[in-house]
N, C-alpha and C. Protein backbone atom coordinates (compact mmCIF):
# COMPACT_ATOMS: atom_id res chain seq x y z
N MET A 1 0.86 -1.16 0.00
CA MET A 1 0.00 0.00 0.00
C MET A 1 0.91 1.23 0.00
N ILE A 2 0.53 2.24 -0.78
CA ILE A 2 1.27 3.50 -0.83
C ILE A 2 0.28 4.61 -0.51
N ILE A 3 0.68 5.48 0.39
CA ILE A 3 -0.13 6.66 0.69
C ILE A 3 0.73 7.89 0.45
N TRP A 4 0.07 9.02 0.17
CA TRP A 4 0.82 10.26 -0.07
C TRP A 4 -0.12 11.45 0.06
N GLY A 5 0.43 12.55 0.60
CA GLY A 5 -0.27 13.82 0.65
C GLY A 5 -1.32 13.86 1.74
N GLY A 6 -2.11 14.93 1.70
CA GLY A 6 -3.17 15.13 2.69
C GLY A 6 -2.94 16.40 3.49
N TYR A 7 -3.55 16.42 4.65
CA TYR A 7 -3.50 17.60 5.51
C TYR A 7 -3.51 17.14 6.96
N ASP A 8 -2.69 17.77 7.79
CA ASP A 8 -2.75 17.54 9.23
C ASP A 8 -2.55 18.87 9.94
N SER A 9 -2.37 18.83 11.25
CA SER A 9 -2.27 20.06 12.02
C SER A 9 -1.08 20.94 11.62
N SER A 10 -0.08 20.35 10.93
CA SER A 10 1.06 21.14 10.48
C SER A 10 0.83 21.78 9.11
N GLY A 11 -0.23 21.39 8.41
CA GLY A 11 -0.53 21.96 7.10
C GLY A 11 -0.65 20.91 6.02
N PHE A 12 -0.48 21.34 4.78
CA PHE A 12 -0.59 20.46 3.62
C PHE A 12 0.66 19.59 3.51
N LEU A 13 0.48 18.34 3.11
CA LEU A 13 1.57 17.36 3.13
C LEU A 13 2.05 17.02 1.72
N ASP A 14 3.37 16.86 1.60
CA ASP A 14 3.98 16.36 0.36
C ASP A 14 4.87 15.16 0.67
N THR A 15 4.43 14.39 1.63
CA THR A 15 5.16 13.19 2.05
C THR A 15 4.24 11.99 1.99
N GLY A 16 4.82 10.81 2.07
CA GLY A 16 4.03 9.60 2.04
C GLY A 16 4.78 8.42 2.58
N GLY A 17 4.16 7.26 2.43
CA GLY A 17 4.79 6.04 2.92
C GLY A 17 4.37 4.83 2.13
N ARG A 18 5.23 3.80 2.20
CA ARG A 18 4.96 2.50 1.58
C ARG A 18 4.84 1.48 2.70
N TYR A 19 3.75 0.71 2.69
CA TYR A 19 3.53 -0.30 3.72
C TYR A 19 3.78 -1.69 3.14
N ASP A 20 4.62 -2.46 3.83
CA ASP A 20 4.91 -3.85 3.45
C ASP A 20 4.17 -4.75 4.44
N SER A 21 3.07 -5.34 3.98
CA SER A 21 2.25 -6.15 4.87
C SER A 21 2.95 -7.44 5.31
N SER A 22 3.85 -7.98 4.50
CA SER A 22 4.53 -9.21 4.88
C SER A 22 5.48 -8.99 6.06
N GLY A 23 6.08 -7.81 6.15
CA GLY A 23 6.99 -7.51 7.25
C GLY A 23 6.38 -6.57 8.28
N ASP A 24 5.13 -6.12 8.01
CA ASP A 24 4.44 -5.16 8.87
C ASP A 24 5.35 -3.95 9.14
N THR A 25 5.90 -3.38 8.04
CA THR A 25 6.81 -2.24 8.16
C THR A 25 6.40 -1.12 7.21
N TRP A 26 6.80 0.08 7.57
CA TRP A 26 6.59 1.27 6.75
C TRP A 26 7.94 1.83 6.32
N ALA A 27 7.98 2.41 5.11
CA ALA A 27 9.14 3.15 4.62
C ALA A 27 8.63 4.45 4.00
N SER A 28 9.34 5.53 4.21
CA SER A 28 8.96 6.82 3.63
C SER A 28 9.16 6.81 2.13
N THR A 29 8.29 7.54 1.41
CA THR A 29 8.50 7.75 -0.02
C THR A 29 9.48 8.90 -0.19
N SER A 30 10.17 8.90 -1.31
CA SER A 30 11.12 9.96 -1.63
C SER A 30 10.42 11.32 -1.63
N THR A 31 11.16 12.35 -1.26
CA THR A 31 10.65 13.72 -1.37
C THR A 31 11.39 14.50 -2.46
N THR A 32 12.23 13.82 -3.24
CA THR A 32 12.93 14.44 -4.36
C THR A 32 11.98 14.52 -5.56
N SER A 33 11.81 15.70 -6.12
CA SER A 33 10.94 15.95 -7.29
C SER A 33 9.48 15.62 -7.00
N VAL A 34 9.09 15.71 -5.74
CA VAL A 34 7.74 15.39 -5.32
C VAL A 34 6.77 16.48 -5.77
N PRO A 35 5.51 16.15 -6.06
CA PRO A 35 4.54 17.19 -6.40
C PRO A 35 4.31 18.15 -5.23
N VAL A 36 3.73 19.29 -5.52
CA VAL A 36 3.41 20.27 -4.49
C VAL A 36 2.46 19.63 -3.47
N ALA A 37 2.62 20.01 -2.20
CA ALA A 37 1.76 19.50 -1.12
C ALA A 37 0.30 19.80 -1.43
N ARG A 38 -0.58 18.85 -1.05
CA ARG A 38 -2.00 19.00 -1.38
C ARG A 38 -2.86 18.06 -0.57
N CYS A 39 -4.15 18.33 -0.60
CA CYS A 39 -5.16 17.40 -0.08
C CYS A 39 -6.29 17.34 -1.11
N TYR A 40 -7.20 16.42 -0.91
CA TYR A 40 -8.36 16.21 -1.81
C TYR A 40 -7.96 15.82 -3.22
N HIS A 41 -6.79 15.24 -3.39
CA HIS A 41 -6.35 14.72 -4.69
C HIS A 41 -6.84 13.27 -4.83
N THR A 42 -6.63 12.71 -6.01
CA THR A 42 -6.91 11.29 -6.21
C THR A 42 -5.62 10.57 -6.53
N ALA A 43 -5.66 9.25 -6.32
CA ALA A 43 -4.52 8.40 -6.63
C ALA A 43 -5.03 7.12 -7.27
N VAL A 44 -4.32 6.64 -8.30
CA VAL A 44 -4.63 5.35 -8.92
C VAL A 44 -3.35 4.54 -9.00
N TRP A 45 -3.50 3.24 -9.12
CA TRP A 45 -2.38 2.32 -9.29
C TRP A 45 -2.45 1.76 -10.69
N SER A 46 -1.36 1.89 -11.45
CA SER A 46 -1.33 1.45 -12.85
C SER A 46 -0.88 0.00 -13.01
N GLY A 47 -0.40 -0.58 -11.92
CA GLY A 47 0.22 -1.89 -11.98
C GLY A 47 1.71 -1.80 -11.75
N SER A 48 2.26 -0.60 -11.97
CA SER A 48 3.69 -0.39 -11.72
C SER A 48 4.01 0.94 -11.06
N GLU A 49 3.05 1.85 -10.99
CA GLU A 49 3.27 3.16 -10.41
C GLU A 49 1.98 3.70 -9.81
N MET A 50 2.12 4.60 -8.84
CA MET A 50 0.99 5.33 -8.30
C MET A 50 0.97 6.68 -8.99
N ILE A 51 -0.20 7.10 -9.45
CA ILE A 51 -0.35 8.40 -10.10
C ILE A 51 -1.30 9.22 -9.24
N ILE A 52 -0.84 10.40 -8.83
CA ILE A 52 -1.71 11.31 -8.09
C ILE A 52 -1.99 12.51 -8.98
N TRP A 53 -3.19 13.11 -8.79
CA TRP A 53 -3.55 14.26 -9.62
C TRP A 53 -4.60 15.08 -8.90
N GLY A 54 -4.58 16.41 -9.21
CA GLY A 54 -5.59 17.33 -8.71
C GLY A 54 -5.41 17.65 -7.25
N GLY A 55 -6.46 18.19 -6.65
CA GLY A 55 -6.45 18.53 -5.24
C GLY A 55 -6.37 20.03 -4.99
N PHE A 56 -6.05 20.36 -3.76
CA PHE A 56 -6.05 21.75 -3.30
C PHE A 56 -4.82 21.98 -2.43
N ASP A 57 -4.12 23.10 -2.63
CA ASP A 57 -2.90 23.39 -1.87
C ASP A 57 -3.08 24.52 -0.85
N GLY A 58 -4.33 24.88 -0.57
CA GLY A 58 -4.60 25.97 0.36
C GLY A 58 -4.95 27.26 -0.34
N SER A 59 -4.52 27.39 -1.61
CA SER A 59 -4.82 28.58 -2.40
C SER A 59 -5.38 28.24 -3.77
N ASN A 60 -4.94 27.11 -4.35
CA ASN A 60 -5.26 26.78 -5.74
C ASN A 60 -5.88 25.40 -5.88
N TYR A 61 -6.82 25.30 -6.82
CA TYR A 61 -7.33 24.00 -7.26
C TYR A 61 -6.34 23.50 -8.31
N LEU A 62 -5.70 22.39 -8.04
CA LEU A 62 -4.53 21.97 -8.80
C LEU A 62 -4.88 21.14 -10.03
N ASP A 63 -4.16 21.40 -11.12
CA ASP A 63 -4.28 20.61 -12.36
C ASP A 63 -2.94 19.93 -12.65
N THR A 64 -2.26 19.55 -11.59
CA THR A 64 -0.94 18.91 -11.69
C THR A 64 -0.94 17.62 -10.88
N GLY A 65 0.12 16.85 -11.06
CA GLY A 65 0.23 15.60 -10.31
C GLY A 65 1.61 15.00 -10.44
N GLY A 66 1.71 13.75 -10.08
CA GLY A 66 2.99 13.07 -10.15
C GLY A 66 2.84 11.57 -10.31
N ASN A 67 3.86 10.97 -10.89
CA ASN A 67 3.97 9.51 -11.02
C ASN A 67 4.99 9.05 -10.00
N TYR A 68 4.61 8.12 -9.13
CA TYR A 68 5.53 7.59 -8.13
C TYR A 68 5.87 6.14 -8.49
N TYR A 69 7.17 5.86 -8.60
CA TYR A 69 7.66 4.53 -8.96
C TYR A 69 8.28 3.88 -7.73
N PRO A 70 7.58 2.94 -7.08
CA PRO A 70 8.10 2.37 -5.83
C PRO A 70 9.38 1.57 -6.03
N GLY A 71 9.60 0.96 -7.18
CA GLY A 71 10.81 0.18 -7.42
C GLY A 71 12.07 1.01 -7.33
N SER A 72 12.00 2.27 -7.78
CA SER A 72 13.15 3.17 -7.72
C SER A 72 12.97 4.28 -6.69
N ASP A 73 11.81 4.28 -5.98
CA ASP A 73 11.48 5.31 -5.00
C ASP A 73 11.70 6.69 -5.60
N SER A 74 11.07 6.92 -6.78
CA SER A 74 11.28 8.19 -7.48
C SER A 74 9.96 8.75 -8.02
N TRP A 75 9.96 10.04 -8.26
CA TRP A 75 8.80 10.78 -8.77
C TRP A 75 9.12 11.43 -10.11
N THR A 76 8.12 11.53 -10.98
CA THR A 76 8.17 12.41 -12.15
C THR A 76 6.85 13.15 -12.21
N ALA A 77 6.86 14.34 -12.75
CA ALA A 77 5.64 15.14 -12.86
C ALA A 77 4.75 14.60 -13.96
N THR A 78 3.43 14.71 -13.77
CA THR A 78 2.50 14.38 -14.85
C THR A 78 2.55 15.50 -15.89
N SER A 79 2.19 15.16 -17.10
CA SER A 79 2.13 16.15 -18.18
C SER A 79 1.08 17.20 -17.86
N THR A 80 1.31 18.43 -18.29
CA THR A 80 0.30 19.48 -18.16
C THR A 80 -0.26 19.89 -19.52
N THR A 81 0.02 19.11 -20.56
CA THR A 81 -0.51 19.37 -21.89
C THR A 81 -1.97 18.92 -21.94
N ASP A 82 -2.87 19.81 -22.37
CA ASP A 82 -4.30 19.54 -22.51
C ASP A 82 -4.92 18.99 -21.22
N VAL A 83 -4.44 19.46 -20.08
CA VAL A 83 -4.92 19.00 -18.79
C VAL A 83 -6.29 19.63 -18.48
N PRO A 84 -7.20 18.88 -17.84
CA PRO A 84 -8.46 19.50 -17.44
C PRO A 84 -8.24 20.52 -16.32
N PRO A 85 -9.20 21.39 -16.09
CA PRO A 85 -9.05 22.37 -15.00
C PRO A 85 -8.85 21.69 -13.66
N GLY A 86 -8.12 22.37 -12.75
CA GLY A 86 -7.90 21.85 -11.42
C GLY A 86 -9.21 21.63 -10.68
N ARG A 87 -9.19 20.67 -9.71
CA ARG A 87 -10.42 20.31 -9.02
C ARG A 87 -10.15 19.51 -7.76
N ILE A 88 -11.20 19.41 -6.94
CA ILE A 88 -11.21 18.54 -5.78
C ILE A 88 -12.47 17.67 -5.86
N TYR A 89 -12.54 16.66 -5.02
CA TYR A 89 -13.71 15.76 -4.93
C TYR A 89 -14.03 15.07 -6.25
N HIS A 90 -13.06 14.91 -7.11
CA HIS A 90 -13.25 14.24 -8.38
C HIS A 90 -13.01 12.74 -8.22
N THR A 91 -13.31 12.01 -9.27
CA THR A 91 -13.06 10.57 -9.31
C THR A 91 -11.96 10.30 -10.32
N ALA A 92 -11.10 9.36 -9.99
CA ALA A 92 -10.06 8.92 -10.93
C ALA A 92 -10.02 7.40 -10.90
N VAL A 93 -9.92 6.80 -12.08
CA VAL A 93 -9.83 5.34 -12.20
C VAL A 93 -8.73 5.00 -13.19
N TRP A 94 -8.19 3.79 -13.06
CA TRP A 94 -7.25 3.24 -14.03
C TRP A 94 -8.05 2.31 -14.91
N ASP A 95 -7.98 2.47 -16.24
CA ASP A 95 -8.86 1.71 -17.13
C ASP A 95 -8.22 0.46 -17.74
N ASP A 96 -7.05 0.04 -17.30
CA ASP A 96 -6.35 -1.15 -17.80
C ASP A 96 -5.95 -1.04 -19.26
N SER A 97 -6.11 0.14 -19.86
CA SER A 97 -5.64 0.39 -21.22
C SER A 97 -4.58 1.47 -21.21
N ASP A 98 -3.87 1.58 -20.11
CA ASP A 98 -2.79 2.56 -19.95
C ASP A 98 -3.25 3.98 -19.74
N TYR A 99 -4.47 4.19 -19.22
CA TYR A 99 -4.96 5.54 -18.98
C TYR A 99 -5.53 5.70 -17.57
N MET A 100 -5.25 6.86 -16.98
CA MET A 100 -5.99 7.31 -15.81
C MET A 100 -7.08 8.23 -16.34
N ILE A 101 -8.31 7.99 -15.92
CA ILE A 101 -9.43 8.82 -16.33
C ILE A 101 -9.91 9.60 -15.11
N VAL A 102 -10.03 10.92 -15.26
CA VAL A 102 -10.50 11.83 -14.22
C VAL A 102 -11.84 12.39 -14.64
N TRP A 103 -12.80 12.46 -13.70
CA TRP A 103 -14.11 13.01 -14.04
C TRP A 103 -14.72 13.70 -12.83
N GLY A 104 -15.48 14.78 -13.14
CA GLY A 104 -16.29 15.46 -12.14
C GLY A 104 -15.47 16.24 -11.13
N GLY A 105 -16.09 16.47 -9.99
CA GLY A 105 -15.45 17.20 -8.92
C GLY A 105 -15.99 18.61 -8.79
N LEU A 106 -15.20 19.43 -8.13
CA LEU A 106 -15.60 20.78 -7.80
C LEU A 106 -14.39 21.70 -7.94
N ASP A 107 -14.62 22.89 -8.51
CA ASP A 107 -13.57 23.91 -8.49
C ASP A 107 -14.03 25.02 -7.56
N SER A 108 -13.48 26.19 -7.67
CA SER A 108 -13.78 27.25 -6.71
C SER A 108 -15.24 27.70 -6.71
N SER A 109 -15.97 27.42 -7.79
CA SER A 109 -17.34 27.92 -7.84
C SER A 109 -18.36 26.96 -8.45
N ASP A 110 -17.92 25.89 -9.09
CA ASP A 110 -18.86 25.05 -9.84
C ASP A 110 -18.65 23.56 -9.59
N ASP A 111 -19.77 22.82 -9.70
CA ASP A 111 -19.68 21.38 -9.87
C ASP A 111 -19.24 21.14 -11.31
N LEU A 112 -18.32 20.22 -11.52
CA LEU A 112 -17.75 20.03 -12.85
C LEU A 112 -18.32 18.78 -13.51
N ASP A 113 -18.69 18.92 -14.78
CA ASP A 113 -19.14 17.77 -15.57
C ASP A 113 -18.17 17.57 -16.74
N SER A 114 -16.89 17.55 -16.39
CA SER A 114 -15.84 17.40 -17.38
C SER A 114 -14.73 16.53 -16.79
N GLY A 115 -13.78 16.21 -17.63
CA GLY A 115 -12.65 15.41 -17.16
C GLY A 115 -11.61 15.25 -18.26
N GLY A 116 -10.81 14.23 -18.12
CA GLY A 116 -9.77 13.98 -19.10
C GLY A 116 -9.13 12.65 -18.84
N LYS A 117 -8.22 12.27 -19.74
CA LYS A 117 -7.47 11.03 -19.54
C LYS A 117 -5.98 11.32 -19.65
N TYR A 118 -5.21 10.51 -18.94
CA TYR A 118 -3.77 10.71 -18.86
C TYR A 118 -3.09 9.37 -19.09
N CYS A 119 -2.14 9.35 -20.00
CA CYS A 119 -1.34 8.16 -20.27
C CYS A 119 0.06 8.44 -19.78
N PRO A 120 0.52 7.73 -18.72
CA PRO A 120 1.86 7.99 -18.22
C PRO A 120 2.93 7.59 -19.21
N PRO A 121 4.11 8.20 -19.08
CA PRO A 121 5.21 7.90 -20.01
C PRO A 121 5.69 6.47 -19.92
């Protein structure tokens, strides 16, 4: 299991952890090239990487994200080409055809009936 981001009493988080159920142990995820701290984002598992996208950083509804590769404990930024508007409370799924699909959610003033798809590199 991999977790990342969120909010606690210290503020918005850009950290995470990997849980190994066989050893009942946790390890921190890398913070090198990590996406901006956020909450209300979504995360999907592609089979080889965790992809996070969207959310809120305290000021902005985000249209950015990151690909986390647990094998190398490394991050790369998601593409921002033709990205849908930033949002929170959206849904994201992995479609088994190499795409993360994002739909719905809320921005600063509207319920959204739009989305997009993302194919990681």
